[in-house]
Amino acid sequence: MSNLKNPGYVLIVDDQPNNLRLLSTTLTEAGYRVRNAISGKMALMGIEKALPQLILLDIMMPQMNGYELCQHLKSDERTQHIPIIFLSALDNEWDKVKAFEVGGTDYITKPFHVKEVLSRVNNQLMVVRQQEQIVDQNRQLQYQNQQLQQLNAELIRSNQDLEEFARIASHDLRSPLQTMKAFGQLFCQKYQSLLDDKAAHYMNRILEAGDHMEQLIQDLLNYSRVETQGEEFEPTDCNQVVESVLANLDSVIQGQGAVIICEHLPIVMADGIQLVQLFQNLISNALKFCSPEVAPEIKIAAELRQTTSSLSDDSARVLPSTPEPTEVNEWVFRVEDNGIGMEAAYFERIFKVFQRLHTNEEYPGTGIGLSICQKIVEHHGGQIWVESSPGVGTTFYFTIPALLTPEAGKQGE
């Protein structure tokens, strides 16, 4: 009984006092809480006050016999779940069949053996315990399901708010900003000869702030649209993606004398436009945070792995949640540079929106680029993390599930 969440009590219903005394003593000594009733009417009165967990019920009783009492209990929603063990001197097949037909769960023939009664009582109460556990688990699952539904509803509302913000940002913010920039440029062109050095500096700062604001709006739009306005995933050649990115950044690469080393990359199921944005953000980041005295060198590679392991303590995965480990095939991409690096304390911070480690004067930017990278990777079912050492360089890793096709298999060989 100590294993039961709510022991309740065992109700014995028998019109023979000797039977009541023997059963009550036996069950009490075995550690059960016991109550007795000498008739069906008294049993109903006791049940009305407190529900038993199990009923031992005699059949042959005056006024209301055991069959009638059982039928009455099984017709009541409040008591229909209580298991009933019939105890009777009736030993013919008909009586036993009727006992089960009216709702009995077991049948013991008198004269009974104490060990048999204890064994059957214990079995029935173990069933009750298991049923209670199932009910509790169902309640917990229902509660968790309600919580998930609420979170999903909140997420839908958040996405709708984000989409509405994107709409406002793309029109209501951009339009006046572009007007301000245009008139600022016209002002500089028309009155340049009338401006002294300080006034020209002020106007340049205004125009630079306008450019920064415009880039900030664009980055916020990109961040908000990763999941809402992406393309359908399709087989995407990452080699072509990187070629497009290097073409976009050609002037910066040439200007800095950067060396880009790219190994052969796989084909993955992805949104090609978002992959371009992902690689461009990471490569631009490597070019931006280069060491002043060393030409940038960036290595891009990927390897196929099957993994169930977690990351080491000196690297940081940035995930919305951490599921139970399962064996999966995935491509692990890395973008490695020889730049200024960073301390391990900043590994998680850099993926958060607007979190910057340097001033805009030192290294221009909006502080959203890596947040966009994280969101794109997670949108593709992957994970992103970073390893870095000050003065040595930084390596960004991200995973994308492997495309299990013959063509993809050849690339992994």
Foldseek 3Di string as FASTA:
>chain_A
DVLAPDQAAEEEEALDPVVVVVLCVLVVVVPGHYDYHNHLVRVVVVCVVPNHQEYEAEADDPPAGRLRSLLVQCVDPVRVVRAYEYEYQDDDPVVVVSCVVSPHDYYAHPPGDSVVVVVVVVVSVVVVRVVVVVVVVVVVVVVVVVVVVVVVVVVVVVLVVLVVVLVCLVPVVVVVLVVVLVVLVVCCVPCVVVDDPVRVVVSVVVNVVSVLVVVLSVLSSLLSCLQPPFDFWDWDQVVVLVVVLCVVCVVLCVVLVEAEAEDGDFTAGARSVLSSLLVNLVVVVQSQQAAPVDRKYKYKYKAKDWDQDDDDPQKDKDDPDDDHGDTAIKIKIKIKIFGQWDDSVCFHVLLDAQRDPDDCVSGNDRSRSNVSNQVRLVSQVKIKMKHTDGNGIIMIIMIHGQDPDPRRVVVND
